[in-house]
Amino acid sequence: MKTSSPFALLSLCVLGFSSCSKDDKKDDVVAPALQAETVSNLAAGVTTTNGGGGQPTSATKYTFYSFANKAVVATADSNTTKWDVGFRGTTVIINGGNSGPGQGGALVQSGLFTDVATAPETGFAVDAAAGKAIPTGSGMGWYNYDGATNIVTPIAGKVILVRTATGKYAKLEIVSYYQGAPATPTATSVSRYYSFRFLYQPDGTRNLK
């Protein structure tokens, strides 16, 4: 009867330990932490004239943005799922409902951006003829409007939860509506330039932290 040499047994043990260690390392791989992204001075349907309330005086095209690609999307792709949100004046649309062919929806939630850890399972509104998923109008959604000064101010503690065009999730906080994001906008501040931060979850889960 053949017997294995001590050296052969030692080699098998080492190989077995090495294989197990590699498998353990694979199991211990942790997905990288999600990072919030900041966008500055995104022009939102800018025209050469400025109407009351920060609104353009005539109809202009939306500026479309993709959370997944962290980039502006061409107007020619407005009827695709390449974009997630669109900006024009103080109106923010979502790629779904009557605004686009995607699965988009949104809801405005009170709280701190950093504290919002999970997107809800239900409650997302879609854009419709009766109103947008993100309501427009002073105090209705993400901003307040001062008629005396014509200043639009984002409401502190408002986080927009977004279901994207492809059915994934993101959270969005609008920081400023003026070019350069001045701390105290004045009548001379140039409006319809969004600064915002967002966090996008690419894996399809509702985890937003």
N, C-alpha and C. Protein backbone atom coordinates (compact mmCIF):
# COMPACT_ATOMS: atom_id res chain seq x y z
N MET A 1 0.84 -1.20 0.00
CA MET A 1 0.00 0.00 0.00
C MET A 1 0.87 1.24 0.00
N LYS A 2 0.57 2.23 -0.87
CA LYS A 2 1.36 3.45 -0.98
C LYS A 2 1.01 4.39 0.16
N THR A 3 2.00 5.05 0.65
CA THR A 3 1.77 6.07 1.67
C THR A 3 2.26 7.40 1.14
N SER A 4 1.56 8.45 1.52
CA SER A 4 1.96 9.78 1.06
C SER A 4 3.10 10.28 1.92
N SER A 5 4.02 10.95 1.27
CA SER A 5 5.17 11.50 2.00
C SER A 5 4.72 12.70 2.81
N PRO A 6 5.40 12.99 3.91
CA PRO A 6 5.07 14.19 4.70
C PRO A 6 5.10 15.45 3.86
N PHE A 7 6.03 15.51 2.90
CA PHE A 7 6.14 16.70 2.04
C PHE A 7 4.89 16.88 1.19
N ALA A 8 4.38 15.73 0.64
CA ALA A 8 3.19 15.78 -0.20
C ALA A 8 1.98 16.23 0.61
N LEU A 9 1.85 15.70 1.84
CA LEU A 9 0.74 16.09 2.70
C LEU A 9 0.80 17.57 3.04
N LEU A 10 2.01 18.07 3.32
CA LEU A 10 2.19 19.48 3.64
C LEU A 10 1.80 20.36 2.46
N SER A 11 2.18 19.91 1.24
CA SER A 11 1.85 20.68 0.04
C SER A 11 0.35 20.77 -0.15
N LEU A 12 -0.36 19.64 0.09
CA LEU A 12 -1.81 19.63 -0.05
C LEU A 12 -2.47 20.57 0.95
N CYS A 13 -1.95 20.57 2.19
CA CYS A 13 -2.50 21.44 3.22
C CYS A 13 -2.31 22.91 2.85
N VAL A 14 -1.10 23.22 2.33
CA VAL A 14 -0.81 24.61 1.94
C VAL A 14 -1.72 25.05 0.81
N LEU A 15 -1.87 24.15 -0.19
CA LEU A 15 -2.73 24.47 -1.32
C LEU A 15 -4.17 24.66 -0.88
N GLY A 16 -4.63 23.77 0.01
CA GLY A 16 -5.99 23.87 0.50
C GLY A 16 -6.22 25.15 1.27
N PHE A 17 -5.25 25.53 2.09
CA PHE A 17 -5.35 26.76 2.88
C PHE A 17 -5.37 27.98 1.98
N SER A 18 -4.52 27.92 0.93
CA SER A 18 -4.43 29.05 -0.01
C SER A 18 -5.75 29.22 -0.75
N SER A 19 -6.35 28.07 -1.17
CA SER A 19 -7.60 28.13 -1.91
C SER A 19 -8.71 28.68 -1.03
N CYS A 20 -8.76 28.22 0.22
CA CYS A 20 -9.79 28.70 1.14
C CYS A 20 -9.63 30.19 1.41
N SER A 21 -8.36 30.61 1.54
CA SER A 21 -8.10 32.02 1.83
C SER A 21 -8.58 32.90 0.69
N LYS A 22 -8.34 32.43 -0.55
CA LYS A 22 -8.79 33.20 -1.72
C LYS A 22 -10.30 33.29 -1.75
N ASP A 23 -10.97 32.16 -1.44
CA ASP A 23 -12.43 32.17 -1.44
C ASP A 23 -12.97 33.11 -0.38
N ASP A 24 -12.31 33.08 0.79
CA ASP A 24 -12.75 33.95 1.88
C ASP A 24 -12.61 35.40 1.49
N LYS A 25 -11.51 35.73 0.80
CA LYS A 25 -11.28 37.11 0.38
C LYS A 25 -12.36 37.57 -0.60
N LYS A 26 -12.79 36.62 -1.48
CA LYS A 26 -13.83 36.97 -2.44
C LYS A 26 -15.12 37.30 -1.70
N ASP A 27 -15.41 36.50 -0.66
CA ASP A 27 -16.63 36.72 0.11
C ASP A 27 -16.59 38.02 0.90
N ASP A 28 -15.37 38.46 1.24
CA ASP A 28 -15.22 39.65 2.08
C ASP A 28 -15.19 40.95 1.28
N VAL A 29 -15.27 40.85 -0.06
CA VAL A 29 -15.21 42.06 -0.88
C VAL A 29 -16.41 42.96 -0.55
N VAL A 30 -16.12 44.22 -0.25
CA VAL A 30 -17.15 45.18 0.11
C VAL A 30 -17.33 46.18 -1.04
N ALA A 31 -18.57 46.40 -1.41
CA ALA A 31 -18.84 47.36 -2.49
C ALA A 31 -18.38 48.76 -2.06
N PRO A 32 -17.81 49.52 -2.99
CA PRO A 32 -17.35 50.87 -2.63
C PRO A 32 -18.51 51.74 -2.17
N ALA A 33 -18.23 52.63 -1.22
CA ALA A 33 -19.26 53.51 -0.69
C ALA A 33 -19.75 54.46 -1.78
N LEU A 34 -21.04 54.75 -1.75
CA LEU A 34 -21.60 55.69 -2.72
C LEU A 34 -21.10 57.10 -2.42
N GLN A 35 -20.86 57.86 -3.47
CA GLN A 35 -20.37 59.22 -3.32
C GLN A 35 -21.38 60.21 -3.89
N ALA A 36 -21.66 61.25 -3.13
CA ALA A 36 -22.52 62.32 -3.63
C ALA A 36 -21.76 63.13 -4.67
N GLU A 37 -22.44 63.55 -5.70
CA GLU A 37 -21.85 64.36 -6.76
C GLU A 37 -22.42 65.77 -6.69
N THR A 38 -21.61 66.75 -7.07
CA THR A 38 -22.05 68.15 -7.07
C THR A 38 -22.02 68.70 -8.49
N VAL A 39 -23.10 69.36 -8.88
CA VAL A 39 -23.19 70.00 -10.20
C VAL A 39 -23.38 71.49 -9.97
N SER A 40 -22.60 72.30 -10.68
CA SER A 40 -22.67 73.75 -10.52
C SER A 40 -23.04 74.43 -11.83
N ASN A 41 -23.88 75.45 -11.73
CA ASN A 41 -24.21 76.32 -12.86
C ASN A 41 -24.77 75.58 -14.07
N LEU A 42 -25.70 74.67 -13.81
CA LEU A 42 -26.37 73.98 -14.92
C LEU A 42 -27.43 74.92 -15.48
N ALA A 43 -27.24 75.38 -16.71
CA ALA A 43 -28.17 76.32 -17.33
C ALA A 43 -29.50 75.64 -17.60
N ALA A 44 -30.59 76.25 -17.12
CA ALA A 44 -31.91 75.63 -17.23
C ALA A 44 -32.82 76.43 -18.14
N GLY A 45 -32.75 76.19 -19.43
CA GLY A 45 -33.60 76.89 -20.37
C GLY A 45 -33.35 78.38 -20.36
N VAL A 46 -32.10 78.78 -20.37
CA VAL A 46 -31.74 80.19 -20.27
C VAL A 46 -32.16 80.96 -21.51
N THR A 47 -32.76 82.13 -21.31
CA THR A 47 -33.12 83.02 -22.41
C THR A 47 -32.44 84.37 -22.17
N THR A 48 -32.57 85.27 -23.12
CA THR A 48 -31.91 86.57 -22.98
C THR A 48 -32.74 87.54 -22.15
N THR A 49 -33.98 87.16 -21.85
CA THR A 49 -34.84 88.02 -21.03
C THR A 49 -35.22 87.30 -19.76
N ASN A 50 -35.58 88.05 -18.74
CA ASN A 50 -35.89 87.47 -17.45
C ASN A 50 -37.27 87.92 -16.99
N GLY A 51 -38.17 86.96 -16.83
CA GLY A 51 -39.52 87.31 -16.39
C GLY A 51 -39.63 87.29 -14.88
N GLY A 52 -40.77 87.68 -14.37
CA GLY A 52 -40.99 87.68 -12.94
C GLY A 52 -40.95 86.27 -12.37
N GLY A 53 -40.48 86.17 -11.15
CA GLY A 53 -40.44 84.88 -10.47
C GLY A 53 -39.35 83.96 -10.97
N GLY A 54 -38.39 84.50 -11.68
CA GLY A 54 -37.31 83.67 -12.18
C GLY A 54 -37.69 82.81 -13.35
N GLN A 55 -38.88 83.01 -13.91
CA GLN A 55 -39.33 82.19 -15.03
C GLN A 55 -38.93 82.84 -16.36
N PRO A 56 -38.61 82.03 -17.37
CA PRO A 56 -38.34 82.60 -18.68
C PRO A 56 -39.60 83.22 -19.26
N THR A 57 -39.44 84.24 -20.08
CA THR A 57 -40.61 84.94 -20.63
C THR A 57 -41.21 84.22 -21.82
N SER A 58 -40.51 83.26 -22.36
CA SER A 58 -41.05 82.49 -23.48
C SER A 58 -40.64 81.04 -23.32
N ALA A 59 -41.35 80.16 -24.04
CA ALA A 59 -41.05 78.74 -23.93
C ALA A 59 -39.65 78.44 -24.43
N THR A 60 -38.91 77.69 -23.66
CA THR A 60 -37.56 77.29 -24.05
C THR A 60 -37.41 75.79 -23.82
N LYS A 61 -36.36 75.24 -24.35
CA LYS A 61 -36.12 73.81 -24.21
C LYS A 61 -35.62 73.49 -22.81
N TYR A 62 -35.91 72.28 -22.38
CA TYR A 62 -35.39 71.79 -21.11
C TYR A 62 -33.91 71.45 -21.25
N THR A 63 -33.21 71.51 -20.13
CA THR A 63 -31.86 70.98 -20.05
C THR A 63 -31.96 69.63 -19.36
N PHE A 64 -31.56 68.56 -20.06
CA PHE A 64 -31.71 67.20 -19.55
C PHE A 64 -30.41 66.71 -18.91
N TYR A 65 -30.57 65.92 -17.83
CA TYR A 65 -29.38 65.46 -17.11
C TYR A 65 -29.52 63.98 -16.76
N SER A 66 -28.38 63.27 -16.88
CA SER A 66 -28.32 61.84 -16.53
C SER A 66 -27.54 61.66 -15.24
N PHE A 67 -28.17 61.04 -14.24
CA PHE A 67 -27.45 60.73 -13.00
C PHE A 67 -26.39 59.67 -13.23
N ALA A 68 -26.72 58.66 -14.03
CA ALA A 68 -25.79 57.55 -14.26
C ALA A 68 -24.51 58.02 -14.93
N ASN A 69 -24.64 58.92 -15.91
CA ASN A 69 -23.47 59.39 -16.66
C ASN A 69 -22.91 60.70 -16.13
N LYS A 70 -23.60 61.30 -15.17
CA LYS A 70 -23.15 62.56 -14.57
C LYS A 70 -22.92 63.61 -15.66
N ALA A 71 -23.88 63.73 -16.55
CA ALA A 71 -23.68 64.61 -17.70
C ALA A 71 -25.00 65.11 -18.26
N VAL A 72 -24.92 66.26 -18.94
CA VAL A 72 -26.06 66.81 -19.67
C VAL A 72 -26.32 65.93 -20.89
N VAL A 73 -27.59 65.73 -21.20
CA VAL A 73 -27.99 64.90 -22.34
C VAL A 73 -28.54 65.79 -23.44
N ALA A 74 -28.18 65.50 -24.66
CA ALA A 74 -28.59 66.32 -25.80
C ALA A 74 -30.12 66.35 -25.94
N THR A 75 -30.64 67.49 -26.37
CA THR A 75 -32.08 67.64 -26.60
C THR A 75 -32.60 66.61 -27.59
N ALA A 76 -31.76 66.22 -28.54
CA ALA A 76 -32.15 65.22 -29.53
C ALA A 76 -32.51 63.88 -28.90
N ASP A 77 -32.04 63.64 -27.67
CA ASP A 77 -32.31 62.39 -26.97
C ASP A 77 -33.43 62.53 -25.94
N SER A 78 -34.25 63.58 -26.08
CA SER A 78 -35.30 63.83 -25.08
C SER A 78 -36.38 62.75 -25.07
N ASN A 79 -36.51 62.01 -26.16
CA ASN A 79 -37.53 60.96 -26.21
C ASN A 79 -36.93 59.58 -25.98
N THR A 80 -35.83 59.54 -25.21
CA THR A 80 -35.18 58.28 -24.87
C THR A 80 -35.07 58.18 -23.34
N THR A 81 -34.51 57.08 -22.88
CA THR A 81 -34.29 56.91 -21.44
C THR A 81 -32.86 57.30 -21.04
N LYS A 82 -32.21 58.10 -21.86
CA LYS A 82 -30.83 58.51 -21.56
C LYS A 82 -30.76 59.58 -20.46
N TRP A 83 -31.89 60.25 -20.16
CA TRP A 83 -31.88 61.30 -19.15
C TRP A 83 -32.82 60.94 -18.00
N ASP A 84 -32.59 61.57 -16.85
CA ASP A 84 -33.40 61.29 -15.67
C ASP A 84 -34.22 62.50 -15.21
N VAL A 85 -33.61 63.68 -15.24
CA VAL A 85 -34.31 64.90 -14.83
C VAL A 85 -34.09 65.98 -15.89
N GLY A 86 -35.06 66.89 -15.99
CA GLY A 86 -34.94 68.00 -16.93
C GLY A 86 -35.28 69.30 -16.21
N PHE A 87 -34.57 70.37 -16.57
CA PHE A 87 -34.74 71.66 -15.89
C PHE A 87 -35.12 72.74 -16.90
N ARG A 88 -36.14 73.53 -16.56
CA ARG A 88 -36.50 74.70 -17.35
C ARG A 88 -37.14 75.71 -16.40
N GLY A 89 -36.50 76.86 -16.25
CA GLY A 89 -36.97 77.79 -15.24
C GLY A 89 -36.98 77.10 -13.89
N THR A 90 -38.04 77.27 -13.12
CA THR A 90 -38.12 76.60 -11.82
C THR A 90 -38.79 75.22 -11.92
N THR A 91 -39.10 74.79 -13.13
CA THR A 91 -39.76 73.50 -13.32
C THR A 91 -38.72 72.39 -13.49
N VAL A 92 -38.90 71.32 -12.73
CA VAL A 92 -38.03 70.14 -12.84
C VAL A 92 -38.91 68.97 -13.23
N ILE A 93 -38.61 68.33 -14.35
CA ILE A 93 -39.40 67.18 -14.81
C ILE A 93 -38.61 65.89 -14.62
N ILE A 94 -39.35 64.80 -14.65
CA ILE A 94 -38.79 63.47 -14.48
C ILE A 94 -39.08 62.66 -15.73
N ASN A 95 -38.17 61.77 -16.10
CA ASN A 95 -38.34 60.98 -17.32
C ASN A 95 -39.35 59.84 -17.09
N GLY A 96 -40.62 60.22 -17.16
CA GLY A 96 -41.71 59.27 -16.99
C GLY A 96 -43.04 60.01 -17.13
N GLY A 97 -44.13 59.30 -17.08
CA GLY A 97 -45.44 59.93 -17.24
C GLY A 97 -45.54 60.62 -18.58
N ASN A 98 -46.01 61.88 -18.60
CA ASN A 98 -46.13 62.58 -19.87
C ASN A 98 -44.90 63.41 -20.22
N SER A 99 -43.83 63.22 -19.46
CA SER A 99 -42.59 63.98 -19.75
C SER A 99 -41.53 63.16 -20.49
N GLY A 100 -41.66 61.86 -20.49
CA GLY A 100 -40.66 61.03 -21.15
C GLY A 100 -41.04 59.57 -21.13
N PRO A 101 -40.31 58.73 -21.88
CA PRO A 101 -40.67 57.32 -22.03
C PRO A 101 -40.16 56.42 -20.92
N GLY A 102 -39.48 57.00 -19.92
CA GLY A 102 -38.86 56.19 -18.88
C GLY A 102 -39.79 55.80 -17.75
N GLN A 103 -39.20 55.20 -16.71
CA GLN A 103 -39.94 54.74 -15.54
C GLN A 103 -39.89 55.78 -14.41
N GLY A 104 -39.51 57.01 -14.75
CA GLY A 104 -39.24 58.03 -13.75
C GLY A 104 -40.41 58.42 -12.88
N GLY A 105 -40.10 58.76 -11.63
CA GLY A 105 -41.06 59.28 -10.67
C GLY A 105 -40.29 60.04 -9.62
N ALA A 106 -40.98 60.78 -8.77
CA ALA A 106 -40.30 61.56 -7.74
C ALA A 106 -41.23 61.86 -6.59
N LEU A 107 -40.64 62.19 -5.46
CA LEU A 107 -41.38 62.73 -4.33
C LEU A 107 -40.45 63.65 -3.56
N VAL A 108 -41.03 64.68 -2.97
CA VAL A 108 -40.25 65.64 -2.18
C VAL A 108 -40.43 65.29 -0.71
N GLN A 109 -39.30 65.12 -0.04
CA GLN A 109 -39.33 64.67 1.36
C GLN A 109 -38.59 65.67 2.24
N SER A 110 -39.10 65.89 3.43
CA SER A 110 -38.42 66.76 4.38
C SER A 110 -37.35 65.97 5.13
N GLY A 111 -36.19 66.57 5.30
CA GLY A 111 -35.09 65.91 6.00
C GLY A 111 -33.76 66.40 5.49
N LEU A 112 -32.70 65.90 6.08
CA LEU A 112 -31.35 66.26 5.65
C LEU A 112 -30.88 65.29 4.57
N PHE A 113 -30.23 65.83 3.57
CA PHE A 113 -29.73 65.02 2.45
C PHE A 113 -28.90 63.84 2.96
N THR A 114 -28.00 64.11 3.90
CA THR A 114 -27.10 63.05 4.39
C THR A 114 -27.83 62.00 5.21
N ASP A 115 -28.99 62.34 5.74
CA ASP A 115 -29.73 61.40 6.59
C ASP A 115 -30.65 60.48 5.81
N VAL A 116 -30.96 60.85 4.58
CA VAL A 116 -31.87 60.01 3.77
C VAL A 116 -31.09 58.79 3.30
N ALA A 117 -31.42 57.64 3.88
CA ALA A 117 -30.62 56.43 3.62
C ALA A 117 -31.26 55.46 2.64
N THR A 118 -32.57 55.56 2.46
CA THR A 118 -33.28 54.57 1.64
C THR A 118 -34.39 55.24 0.85
N ALA A 119 -34.51 54.85 -0.40
CA ALA A 119 -35.65 55.31 -1.21
C ALA A 119 -36.87 54.49 -0.83
N PRO A 120 -38.04 55.10 -0.76
CA PRO A 120 -39.25 54.35 -0.38
C PRO A 120 -39.66 53.37 -1.47
N GLU A 121 -40.43 52.36 -1.07
CA GLU A 121 -40.93 51.39 -2.05
C GLU A 121 -42.06 51.98 -2.88
N THR A 122 -42.86 52.83 -2.25
CA THR A 122 -44.02 53.39 -2.92
C THR A 122 -44.08 54.90 -2.69
N GLY A 123 -45.05 55.55 -3.32
CA GLY A 123 -45.27 56.97 -3.07
C GLY A 123 -44.71 57.89 -4.14
N PHE A 124 -44.08 57.34 -5.15
CA PHE A 124 -43.52 58.17 -6.21
C PHE A 124 -44.63 58.66 -7.14
N ALA A 125 -44.65 59.97 -7.37
CA ALA A 125 -45.60 60.56 -8.33
C ALA A 125 -44.94 60.60 -9.70
N VAL A 126 -45.75 60.71 -10.74
CA VAL A 126 -45.23 60.84 -12.11
C VAL A 126 -45.74 62.14 -12.71
N ASP A 127 -45.04 62.64 -13.69
CA ASP A 127 -45.46 63.85 -14.36
C ASP A 127 -46.76 63.59 -15.13
N ALA A 128 -47.69 64.53 -15.01
CA ALA A 128 -48.98 64.38 -15.68
C ALA A 128 -49.49 65.76 -16.07
N ALA A 129 -50.54 65.79 -16.87
CA ALA A 129 -51.11 67.06 -17.30
C ALA A 129 -51.60 67.88 -16.11
N ALA A 130 -52.03 67.20 -15.06
CA ALA A 130 -52.55 67.90 -13.87
C ALA A 130 -51.45 68.49 -13.00
N GLY A 131 -50.24 68.04 -13.18
CA GLY A 131 -49.14 68.56 -12.36
C GLY A 131 -47.91 67.69 -12.45
N LYS A 132 -46.79 68.26 -12.05
CA LYS A 132 -45.52 67.54 -12.11
C LYS A 132 -45.30 66.72 -10.84
N ALA A 133 -44.49 65.69 -10.95
CA ALA A 133 -44.12 64.88 -9.78
C ALA A 133 -43.43 65.74 -8.74
N ILE A 134 -42.60 66.70 -9.20
CA ILE A 134 -41.99 67.69 -8.31
C ILE A 134 -42.81 68.96 -8.48
N PRO A 135 -43.66 69.30 -7.51
CA PRO A 135 -44.59 70.42 -7.69
C PRO A 135 -43.87 71.75 -7.95
N THR A 136 -44.49 72.58 -8.77
CA THR A 136 -43.99 73.93 -9.01
C THR A 136 -44.82 74.91 -8.19
N GLY A 137 -44.30 76.12 -8.03
CA GLY A 137 -45.00 77.12 -7.24
C GLY A 137 -44.33 77.32 -5.90
N SER A 138 -44.38 78.55 -5.41
CA SER A 138 -43.74 78.90 -4.15
C SER A 138 -44.28 78.06 -3.00
N GLY A 139 -43.36 77.41 -2.27
CA GLY A 139 -43.73 76.61 -1.12
C GLY A 139 -44.34 75.27 -1.44
N MET A 140 -44.48 74.95 -2.71
CA MET A 140 -45.15 73.71 -3.12
C MET A 140 -44.19 72.53 -3.29
N GLY A 141 -42.95 72.84 -3.62
CA GLY A 141 -42.00 71.77 -3.89
C GLY A 141 -40.64 72.04 -3.29
N TRP A 142 -39.72 72.51 -4.13
CA TRP A 142 -38.34 72.67 -3.66
C TRP A 142 -37.95 74.11 -3.37
N TYR A 143 -38.80 75.11 -3.70
CA TYR A 143 -38.39 76.50 -3.54
C TYR A 143 -39.49 77.41 -3.00
N ASN A 144 -39.06 78.56 -2.50
CA ASN A 144 -39.95 79.66 -2.17
C ASN A 144 -39.64 80.82 -3.11
N TYR A 145 -40.66 81.60 -3.43
CA TYR A 145 -40.49 82.76 -4.30
C TYR A 145 -40.96 84.02 -3.58
N ASP A 146 -40.10 85.03 -3.56
CA ASP A 146 -40.43 86.32 -2.94
C ASP A 146 -40.84 87.28 -4.05
N GLY A 147 -42.13 87.61 -4.11
CA GLY A 147 -42.64 88.47 -5.17
C GLY A 147 -42.10 89.88 -5.10
N ALA A 148 -41.72 90.32 -3.92
CA ALA A 148 -41.22 91.69 -3.77
C ALA A 148 -39.82 91.84 -4.35
N THR A 149 -39.03 90.78 -4.26
CA THR A 149 -37.64 90.86 -4.74
C THR A 149 -37.41 90.03 -6.00
N ASN A 150 -38.39 89.20 -6.39
CA ASN A 150 -38.23 88.26 -7.52
C ASN A 150 -37.11 87.25 -7.28
N ILE A 151 -36.92 86.88 -6.01
CA ILE A 151 -35.86 85.93 -5.68
C ILE A 151 -36.45 84.55 -5.41
N VAL A 152 -35.82 83.53 -6.01
CA VAL A 152 -36.18 82.13 -5.80
C VAL A 152 -35.16 81.52 -4.84
N THR A 153 -35.66 80.94 -3.75
CA THR A 153 -34.77 80.37 -2.74
C THR A 153 -35.12 78.91 -2.48
N PRO A 154 -34.16 78.00 -2.64
CA PRO A 154 -34.43 76.60 -2.30
C PRO A 154 -34.85 76.47 -0.84
N ILE A 155 -35.83 75.64 -0.57
CA ILE A 155 -36.29 75.42 0.80
C ILE A 155 -35.32 74.48 1.51
N ALA A 156 -34.77 74.94 2.63
CA ALA A 156 -33.83 74.11 3.39
C ALA A 156 -34.54 72.85 3.89
N GLY A 157 -33.81 71.74 3.86
CA GLY A 157 -34.36 70.49 4.37
C GLY A 157 -35.34 69.82 3.45
N LYS A 158 -35.25 70.09 2.15
CA LYS A 158 -36.09 69.40 1.18
C LYS A 158 -35.21 68.52 0.29
N VAL A 159 -35.49 67.24 0.31
CA VAL A 159 -34.74 66.27 -0.50
C VAL A 159 -35.70 65.66 -1.51
N ILE A 160 -35.28 65.62 -2.77
CA ILE A 160 -36.10 65.04 -3.83
C ILE A 160 -35.63 63.60 -4.07
N LEU A 161 -36.52 62.65 -3.81
CA LEU A 161 -36.23 61.25 -4.11
C LEU A 161 -36.67 60.97 -5.53
N VAL A 162 -35.78 60.36 -6.31
CA VAL A 162 -36.05 60.15 -7.73
C VAL A 162 -35.97 58.68 -8.09
N ARG A 163 -36.98 58.20 -8.80
CA ARG A 163 -36.88 56.92 -9.49
C ARG A 163 -36.48 57.27 -10.92
N THR A 164 -35.37 56.76 -11.37
CA THR A 164 -34.79 57.20 -12.63
C THR A 164 -35.51 56.60 -13.84
N ALA A 165 -35.06 57.02 -15.00
CA ALA A 165 -35.66 56.55 -16.26
C ALA A 165 -35.57 55.04 -16.41
N THR A 166 -34.54 54.43 -15.82
CA THR A 166 -34.36 52.98 -15.93
C THR A 166 -34.80 52.24 -14.68
N GLY A 167 -35.52 52.93 -13.78
CA GLY A 167 -36.07 52.26 -12.61
C GLY A 167 -35.12 52.15 -11.43
N LYS A 168 -34.02 52.89 -11.47
CA LYS A 168 -33.10 52.90 -10.33
C LYS A 168 -33.41 54.11 -9.46
N TYR A 169 -32.58 54.37 -8.44
CA TYR A 169 -32.94 55.39 -7.47
C TYR A 169 -31.81 56.39 -7.22
N ALA A 170 -32.23 57.61 -6.86
CA ALA A 170 -31.27 58.67 -6.56
C ALA A 170 -31.93 59.64 -5.60
N LYS A 171 -31.12 60.44 -4.93
CA LYS A 171 -31.64 61.55 -4.13
C LYS A 171 -30.98 62.83 -4.61
N LEU A 172 -31.73 63.93 -4.55
CA LEU A 172 -31.31 65.19 -5.15
C LEU A 172 -31.63 66.34 -4.20
N GLU A 173 -30.68 67.25 -4.05
CA GLU A 173 -30.92 68.45 -3.26
C GLU A 173 -30.48 69.67 -4.07
N ILE A 174 -31.42 70.58 -4.33
CA ILE A 174 -31.10 71.80 -5.07
C ILE A 174 -30.57 72.84 -4.10
N VAL A 175 -29.40 73.35 -4.41
CA VAL A 175 -28.69 74.27 -3.50
C VAL A 175 -28.89 75.72 -3.90
N SER A 176 -28.90 75.99 -5.20
CA SER A 176 -29.03 77.37 -5.66
C SER A 176 -29.66 77.42 -7.04
N TYR A 177 -30.32 78.54 -7.33
CA TYR A 177 -30.98 78.77 -8.61
C TYR A 177 -30.28 79.88 -9.40
N TYR A 178 -29.12 80.32 -8.91
CA TYR A 178 -28.44 81.48 -9.50
C TYR A 178 -27.00 81.15 -9.88
N GLN A 179 -26.56 81.79 -10.95
CA GLN A 179 -25.20 81.59 -11.45
C GLN A 179 -24.20 81.93 -10.36
N GLY A 180 -23.28 81.01 -10.13
CA GLY A 180 -22.27 81.21 -9.09
C GLY A 180 -22.74 80.87 -7.70
N ALA A 181 -24.00 80.48 -7.55
CA ALA A 181 -24.58 80.10 -6.25
C ALA A 181 -24.29 81.11 -5.15
N PRO A 182 -24.69 82.38 -5.34
CA PRO A 182 -24.44 83.39 -4.30
C PRO A 182 -25.20 83.04 -3.02
N ALA A 183 -24.57 83.32 -1.88
CA ALA A 183 -25.21 83.02 -0.60
C ALA A 183 -26.49 83.84 -0.42
N THR A 184 -26.46 85.08 -0.90
CA THR A 184 -27.64 85.95 -0.81
C THR A 184 -27.90 86.55 -2.18
N PRO A 185 -28.72 85.90 -3.00
CA PRO A 185 -29.02 86.43 -4.34
C PRO A 185 -29.70 87.80 -4.27
N THR A 186 -29.44 88.61 -5.28
CA THR A 186 -30.06 89.93 -5.38
C THR A 186 -30.76 90.05 -6.74
N ALA A 187 -31.36 91.21 -6.99
CA ALA A 187 -32.06 91.44 -8.25
C ALA A 187 -31.12 91.35 -9.44
N THR A 188 -29.83 91.54 -9.24
CA THR A 188 -28.87 91.48 -10.34
C THR A 188 -28.28 90.08 -10.54
N SER A 189 -28.62 89.15 -9.65
CA SER A 189 -28.11 87.78 -9.79
C SER A 189 -28.75 87.13 -11.02
N VAL A 190 -27.96 86.39 -11.76
CA VAL A 190 -28.44 85.74 -12.98
C VAL A 190 -29.12 84.42 -12.63
N SER A 191 -30.41 84.32 -12.94
CA SER A 191 -31.19 83.15 -12.54
C SER A 191 -31.17 82.04 -13.59
N ARG A 192 -31.81 80.92 -13.22
CA ARG A 192 -31.94 79.71 -14.04
C ARG A 192 -30.60 79.02 -14.27
N TYR A 193 -29.75 79.07 -13.25
CA TYR A 193 -28.51 78.30 -13.23
C TYR A 193 -28.51 77.46 -11.97
N TYR A 194 -28.76 76.17 -12.13
CA TYR A 194 -28.90 75.28 -10.97
C TYR A 194 -27.55 74.80 -10.45
N SER A 195 -27.43 74.82 -9.13
CA SER A 195 -26.36 74.10 -8.44
C SER A 195 -27.07 73.09 -7.55
N PHE A 196 -26.66 71.84 -7.63
CA PHE A 196 -27.31 70.80 -6.83
C PHE A 196 -26.34 69.67 -6.54
N ARG A 197 -26.72 68.85 -5.58
CA ARG A 197 -25.96 67.64 -5.33
C ARG A 197 -26.90 66.45 -5.42
N PHE A 198 -26.34 65.30 -5.80
CA PHE A 198 -27.16 64.11 -5.92
C PHE A 198 -26.33 62.88 -5.59
N LEU A 199 -27.03 61.83 -5.24
CA LEU A 199 -26.39 60.54 -5.02
C LEU A 199 -27.21 59.51 -5.76
N TYR A 200 -26.55 58.75 -6.61
CA TYR A 200 -27.21 57.78 -7.50
C TYR A 200 -26.79 56.37 -7.12
N GLN A 201 -27.77 55.48 -7.03
CA GLN A 201 -27.50 54.08 -6.71
C GLN A 201 -27.57 53.24 -8.00
N PRO A 202 -26.42 52.78 -8.51
CA PRO A 202 -26.43 52.07 -9.80
C PRO A 202 -26.86 50.61 -9.75
N ASP A 203 -26.92 50.02 -8.54
CA ASP A 203 -27.17 48.57 -8.49
C ASP A 203 -28.66 48.20 -8.45
N GLY A 204 -29.53 49.21 -8.49
CA GLY A 204 -30.96 48.91 -8.54
C GLY A 204 -31.63 48.79 -7.18
N THR A 205 -30.85 48.78 -6.09
CA THR A 205 -31.45 48.72 -4.76
C THR A 205 -31.91 50.12 -4.35
N ARG A 206 -32.61 50.18 -3.22
CA ARG A 206 -33.11 51.45 -2.71
C ARG A 206 -32.14 52.10 -1.72
N ASN A 207 -30.98 51.48 -1.56
CA ASN A 207 -29.97 52.04 -0.64
C ASN A 207 -29.39 53.34 -1.19
N LEU A 208 -29.46 54.41 -0.39
CA LEU A 208 -28.96 55.72 -0.83
C LEU A 208 -27.95 56.30 0.15
N LYS A 209 -27.16 55.42 0.75
CA LYS A 209 -26.14 55.90 1.69
C LYS A 209 -24.88 55.07 1.57
